[in-house]
Amino acid sequence: MTSALINVPAKAKRGDIIEIKTLMSHIMETGYRHKASGEVVPRNIITGFTCRFNGNEIFRTDLFPAIAANPFITFFTTATESGKFEFEWTGDQGFSETASASISVE
């Protein structure tokens, strides 16, 4: 079971630089390990992360097998208006998870 933790300030002043933090709970299997029977454990990683604010993409990154389990992603943006952040993680084996958070800009 996956789950996301999101940290977005509830309020900010217009023009403030704010920090956005995300943590996605995911096993991140690299595809390099073998089971006791000798068969390869299939790769199962998060391959992408996107953040949109009021429908406009503001941050995107691609992730690769070297990323740790439960990837923690943090980035900064400027508070320009009140609205909603939408977060999306995508990955192998059809993995897709979304979360959202709102901010009030004064």
N, C-alpha and C. Protein backbone atom coordinates (compact mmCIF):
# COMPACT_ATOMS: atom_id res chain seq x y z
N MET A 1 0.85 -1.19 0.00
CA MET A 1 0.00 0.00 0.00
C MET A 1 0.89 1.24 0.00
N THR A 2 0.62 2.14 -0.90
CA THR A 2 1.39 3.37 -0.96
C THR A 2 0.63 4.49 -0.27
N SER A 3 1.39 5.47 0.17
CA SER A 3 0.78 6.66 0.74
C SER A 3 1.74 7.82 0.62
N ALA A 4 1.18 9.01 0.49
CA ALA A 4 1.98 10.21 0.31
C ALA A 4 1.84 11.11 1.53
N LEU A 5 2.95 11.72 1.91
CA LEU A 5 2.95 12.78 2.91
C LEU A 5 3.35 14.06 2.20
N ILE A 6 2.57 15.11 2.39
CA ILE A 6 2.78 16.38 1.71
C ILE A 6 2.92 17.47 2.76
N ASN A 7 3.90 18.36 2.57
CA ASN A 7 4.06 19.51 3.45
C ASN A 7 4.08 20.77 2.60
N VAL A 8 2.96 21.49 2.63
CA VAL A 8 2.80 22.77 1.92
C VAL A 8 2.32 23.78 2.96
N PRO A 9 2.93 24.97 3.02
CA PRO A 9 2.44 25.96 3.99
C PRO A 9 0.96 26.29 3.73
N ALA A 10 0.18 26.42 4.78
CA ALA A 10 -1.23 26.75 4.63
C ALA A 10 -1.42 28.19 4.16
N LYS A 11 -0.50 29.09 4.58
CA LYS A 11 -0.57 30.51 4.22
C LYS A 11 0.80 31.01 3.81
N ALA A 12 0.81 32.01 2.95
CA ALA A 12 2.05 32.69 2.56
C ALA A 12 1.70 34.09 2.09
N LYS A 13 2.67 34.97 2.11
CA LYS A 13 2.49 36.30 1.56
C LYS A 13 2.89 36.28 0.09
N ARG A 14 2.19 37.06 -0.73
CA ARG A 14 2.48 37.13 -2.16
C ARG A 14 3.96 37.47 -2.36
N GLY A 15 4.64 36.68 -3.18
CA GLY A 15 6.05 36.89 -3.45
C GLY A 15 6.99 36.08 -2.58
N ASP A 16 6.47 35.49 -1.51
CA ASP A 16 7.30 34.64 -0.64
C ASP A 16 7.78 33.41 -1.41
N ILE A 17 8.99 32.99 -1.12
CA ILE A 17 9.49 31.71 -1.64
C ILE A 17 9.11 30.65 -0.62
N ILE A 18 8.39 29.63 -1.07
CA ILE A 18 7.92 28.58 -0.17
C ILE A 18 8.56 27.25 -0.53
N GLU A 19 8.72 26.40 0.48
CA GLU A 19 9.29 25.08 0.27
C GLU A 19 8.16 24.04 0.28
N ILE A 20 8.17 23.18 -0.72
CA ILE A 20 7.22 22.09 -0.84
C ILE A 20 7.99 20.79 -0.57
N LYS A 21 7.44 19.94 0.31
CA LYS A 21 8.09 18.67 0.62
C LYS A 21 7.10 17.53 0.38
N THR A 22 7.59 16.46 -0.26
CA THR A 22 6.76 15.28 -0.48
C THR A 22 7.53 14.03 -0.10
N LEU A 23 6.82 13.06 0.43
CA LEU A 23 7.39 11.76 0.75
C LEU A 23 6.39 10.71 0.29
N MET A 24 6.84 9.81 -0.62
CA MET A 24 5.97 8.74 -1.11
C MET A 24 6.46 7.42 -0.56
N SER A 25 5.58 6.70 0.10
CA SER A 25 5.91 5.38 0.62
C SER A 25 5.83 4.37 -0.53
N HIS A 26 6.98 3.78 -0.88
CA HIS A 26 7.04 2.83 -2.01
C HIS A 26 8.29 1.97 -1.84
N ILE A 27 8.20 0.69 -2.19
CA ILE A 27 9.32 -0.23 -1.96
C ILE A 27 10.51 0.01 -2.87
N MET A 28 10.31 0.52 -4.07
CA MET A 28 11.38 0.82 -5.02
C MET A 28 12.31 -0.38 -5.26
N GLU A 29 11.77 -1.43 -5.83
CA GLU A 29 12.56 -2.62 -6.16
C GLU A 29 13.32 -2.36 -7.46
N THR A 30 14.65 -2.50 -7.42
CA THR A 30 15.51 -2.12 -8.55
C THR A 30 15.47 -3.07 -9.74
N GLY A 31 15.10 -4.33 -9.52
CA GLY A 31 15.13 -5.31 -10.59
C GLY A 31 16.46 -6.04 -10.69
N TYR A 32 17.37 -5.76 -9.77
CA TYR A 32 18.69 -6.41 -9.77
C TYR A 32 18.78 -7.56 -8.76
N ARG A 33 17.83 -7.64 -7.83
CA ARG A 33 17.88 -8.69 -6.82
C ARG A 33 17.30 -9.99 -7.36
N HIS A 34 17.71 -11.09 -6.75
CA HIS A 34 17.18 -12.40 -7.11
C HIS A 34 16.51 -13.04 -5.89
N LYS A 35 15.48 -13.83 -6.16
CA LYS A 35 14.83 -14.59 -5.10
C LYS A 35 15.70 -15.80 -4.78
N ALA A 36 15.39 -16.50 -3.71
CA ALA A 36 16.13 -17.72 -3.34
C ALA A 36 16.07 -18.75 -4.46
N SER A 37 14.99 -18.72 -5.24
CA SER A 37 14.84 -19.68 -6.35
C SER A 37 15.70 -19.30 -7.56
N GLY A 38 16.30 -18.10 -7.52
CA GLY A 38 17.16 -17.66 -8.62
C GLY A 38 16.50 -16.72 -9.60
N GLU A 39 15.17 -16.61 -9.55
CA GLU A 39 14.51 -15.71 -10.48
C GLU A 39 14.66 -14.25 -10.03
N VAL A 40 14.69 -13.36 -11.02
CA VAL A 40 14.88 -11.94 -10.75
C VAL A 40 13.60 -11.35 -10.17
N VAL A 41 13.74 -10.54 -9.14
CA VAL A 41 12.61 -9.79 -8.59
C VAL A 41 12.35 -8.65 -9.58
N PRO A 42 11.14 -8.56 -10.17
CA PRO A 42 10.88 -7.55 -11.19
C PRO A 42 11.07 -6.13 -10.67
N ARG A 43 11.57 -5.27 -11.55
CA ARG A 43 11.75 -3.86 -11.20
C ARG A 43 10.38 -3.25 -10.89
N ASN A 44 10.33 -2.44 -9.85
CA ASN A 44 9.10 -1.76 -9.45
C ASN A 44 9.50 -0.45 -8.78
N ILE A 45 9.70 0.59 -9.59
CA ILE A 45 10.14 1.87 -9.05
C ILE A 45 9.20 2.98 -9.49
N ILE A 46 9.25 4.07 -8.78
CA ILE A 46 8.59 5.29 -9.21
C ILE A 46 9.50 5.91 -10.26
N THR A 47 8.95 6.21 -11.42
CA THR A 47 9.77 6.73 -12.52
C THR A 47 9.55 8.22 -12.77
N GLY A 48 8.49 8.78 -12.22
CA GLY A 48 8.25 10.20 -12.46
C GLY A 48 7.45 10.86 -11.36
N PHE A 49 7.66 12.16 -11.23
CA PHE A 49 6.92 12.99 -10.27
C PHE A 49 6.61 14.31 -10.93
N THR A 50 5.37 14.76 -10.79
CA THR A 50 4.95 16.04 -11.36
C THR A 50 4.14 16.80 -10.31
N CYS A 51 4.36 18.12 -10.26
CA CYS A 51 3.56 18.99 -9.41
C CYS A 51 2.93 20.07 -10.29
N ARG A 52 1.63 20.25 -10.12
CA ARG A 52 0.91 21.31 -10.82
C ARG A 52 0.31 22.26 -9.79
N PHE A 53 0.26 23.54 -10.14
CA PHE A 53 -0.40 24.52 -9.29
C PHE A 53 -1.48 25.18 -10.12
N ASN A 54 -2.72 25.07 -9.66
CA ASN A 54 -3.88 25.59 -10.40
C ASN A 54 -3.86 25.11 -11.85
N GLY A 55 -3.48 23.85 -12.05
CA GLY A 55 -3.49 23.24 -13.38
C GLY A 55 -2.25 23.44 -14.22
N ASN A 56 -1.31 24.30 -13.77
CA ASN A 56 -0.08 24.55 -14.53
C ASN A 56 1.08 23.79 -13.91
N GLU A 57 1.82 23.07 -14.75
CA GLU A 57 2.97 22.32 -14.26
C GLU A 57 4.05 23.27 -13.77
N ILE A 58 4.51 23.05 -12.52
CA ILE A 58 5.57 23.91 -11.97
C ILE A 58 6.83 23.14 -11.63
N PHE A 59 6.73 21.81 -11.54
CA PHE A 59 7.90 21.00 -11.23
C PHE A 59 7.69 19.59 -11.77
N ARG A 60 8.76 19.03 -12.38
CA ARG A 60 8.73 17.66 -12.88
C ARG A 60 10.12 17.06 -12.75
N THR A 61 10.16 15.78 -12.42
CA THR A 61 11.44 15.08 -12.38
C THR A 61 11.25 13.63 -12.78
N ASP A 62 12.29 13.05 -13.37
CA ASP A 62 12.34 11.63 -13.67
C ASP A 62 13.18 10.95 -12.60
N LEU A 63 12.76 9.76 -12.18
CA LEU A 63 13.47 9.01 -11.16
C LEU A 63 14.00 7.71 -11.77
N PHE A 64 15.12 7.22 -11.24
CA PHE A 64 15.81 6.06 -11.80
C PHE A 64 16.09 5.04 -10.70
N PRO A 65 16.55 3.82 -11.04
CA PRO A 65 16.74 2.77 -10.04
C PRO A 65 17.63 3.14 -8.85
N ALA A 66 18.49 4.11 -8.97
CA ALA A 66 19.38 4.46 -7.86
C ALA A 66 18.67 5.24 -6.76
N ILE A 67 17.45 5.68 -6.97
CA ILE A 67 16.72 6.44 -5.96
C ILE A 67 16.32 5.49 -4.81
N ALA A 68 16.30 6.00 -3.61
CA ALA A 68 16.00 5.20 -2.42
C ALA A 68 14.51 4.84 -2.37
N ALA A 69 14.21 3.82 -1.58
CA ALA A 69 12.81 3.51 -1.27
C ALA A 69 12.22 4.73 -0.56
N ASN A 70 10.93 4.92 -0.69
CA ASN A 70 10.23 6.04 -0.05
C ASN A 70 10.85 7.38 -0.44
N PRO A 71 10.84 7.72 -1.74
CA PRO A 71 11.54 8.93 -2.19
C PRO A 71 10.98 10.22 -1.56
N PHE A 72 11.90 11.03 -1.08
CA PHE A 72 11.61 12.34 -0.50
C PHE A 72 12.02 13.39 -1.52
N ILE A 73 11.07 14.19 -1.95
CA ILE A 73 11.35 15.23 -2.95
C ILE A 73 10.98 16.57 -2.34
N THR A 74 11.89 17.52 -2.44
CA THR A 74 11.63 18.87 -1.95
C THR A 74 12.05 19.87 -3.00
N PHE A 75 11.28 20.95 -3.13
CA PHE A 75 11.59 22.00 -4.09
C PHE A 75 10.97 23.31 -3.61
N PHE A 76 11.37 24.39 -4.25
CA PHE A 76 10.89 25.73 -3.87
C PHE A 76 10.12 26.34 -5.03
N THR A 77 9.16 27.19 -4.69
CA THR A 77 8.42 27.95 -5.68
C THR A 77 8.01 29.28 -5.05
N THR A 78 7.55 30.19 -5.86
CA THR A 78 7.11 31.50 -5.38
C THR A 78 5.60 31.52 -5.23
N ALA A 79 5.12 32.01 -4.09
CA ALA A 79 3.69 32.13 -3.85
C ALA A 79 3.16 33.34 -4.61
N THR A 80 2.34 33.09 -5.60
CA THR A 80 1.80 34.19 -6.42
C THR A 80 0.31 34.40 -6.22
N GLU A 81 -0.41 33.32 -5.90
CA GLU A 81 -1.86 33.42 -5.70
C GLU A 81 -2.34 32.21 -4.91
N SER A 82 -3.51 32.33 -4.33
CA SER A 82 -4.10 31.19 -3.62
C SER A 82 -4.48 30.12 -4.63
N GLY A 83 -4.42 28.87 -4.19
CA GLY A 83 -4.79 27.81 -5.11
C GLY A 83 -4.47 26.43 -4.58
N LYS A 84 -4.44 25.49 -5.51
CA LYS A 84 -4.29 24.08 -5.17
C LYS A 84 -3.09 23.47 -5.89
N PHE A 85 -2.24 22.80 -5.09
CA PHE A 85 -1.14 22.01 -5.64
C PHE A 85 -1.65 20.60 -5.87
N GLU A 86 -1.32 20.03 -7.03
CA GLU A 86 -1.67 18.65 -7.33
C GLU A 86 -0.37 17.90 -7.61
N PHE A 87 -0.19 16.79 -6.93
CA PHE A 87 1.03 15.99 -7.03
C PHE A 87 0.70 14.65 -7.67
N GLU A 88 1.57 14.19 -8.57
CA GLU A 88 1.35 12.89 -9.21
C GLU A 88 2.67 12.13 -9.30
N TRP A 89 2.64 10.89 -8.85
CA TRP A 89 3.76 9.97 -8.96
C TRP A 89 3.36 8.87 -9.94
N THR A 90 4.24 8.50 -10.86
CA THR A 90 3.98 7.41 -11.79
C THR A 90 5.16 6.45 -11.75
N GLY A 91 4.90 5.20 -12.15
CA GLY A 91 5.99 4.24 -12.10
C GLY A 91 5.70 2.96 -12.84
N ASP A 92 6.56 2.00 -12.59
CA ASP A 92 6.46 0.69 -13.22
C ASP A 92 5.19 -0.03 -12.77
N GLN A 93 4.82 -1.03 -13.56
CA GLN A 93 3.68 -1.90 -13.25
C GLN A 93 2.39 -1.12 -13.08
N GLY A 94 2.25 -0.02 -13.82
CA GLY A 94 1.03 0.77 -13.80
C GLY A 94 0.84 1.64 -12.56
N PHE A 95 1.89 1.82 -11.78
CA PHE A 95 1.79 2.60 -10.55
C PHE A 95 1.40 4.05 -10.85
N SER A 96 0.43 4.56 -10.14
CA SER A 96 0.03 5.96 -10.23
C SER A 96 -0.62 6.36 -8.91
N GLU A 97 -0.16 7.44 -8.35
CA GLU A 97 -0.68 7.93 -7.07
C GLU A 97 -0.78 9.45 -7.14
N THR A 98 -1.84 10.01 -6.57
CA THR A 98 -2.01 11.45 -6.57
C THR A 98 -2.30 11.96 -5.16
N ALA A 99 -2.01 13.22 -4.96
CA ALA A 99 -2.32 13.90 -3.69
C ALA A 99 -2.48 15.38 -4.02
N SER A 100 -3.05 16.13 -3.10
CA SER A 100 -3.21 17.57 -3.32
C SER A 100 -3.14 18.32 -2.00
N ALA A 101 -2.87 19.61 -2.10
CA ALA A 101 -2.81 20.50 -0.94
C ALA A 101 -3.10 21.92 -1.42
N SER A 102 -3.72 22.70 -0.56
CA SER A 102 -4.07 24.08 -0.92
C SER A 102 -3.24 25.07 -0.12
N ILE A 103 -3.13 26.28 -0.69
CA ILE A 103 -2.42 27.37 -0.02
C ILE A 103 -3.25 28.65 -0.16
N SER A 104 -3.23 29.47 0.87
CA SER A 104 -3.87 30.77 0.84
C SER A 104 -2.79 31.85 0.79
N VAL A 105 -2.82 32.66 -0.25
CA VAL A 105 -1.80 33.71 -0.42
C VAL A 105 -2.47 35.05 -0.12
N GLU A 106 -1.82 35.81 0.78
CA GLU A 106 -2.36 37.12 1.21
C GLU A 106 -1.65 38.24 0.48
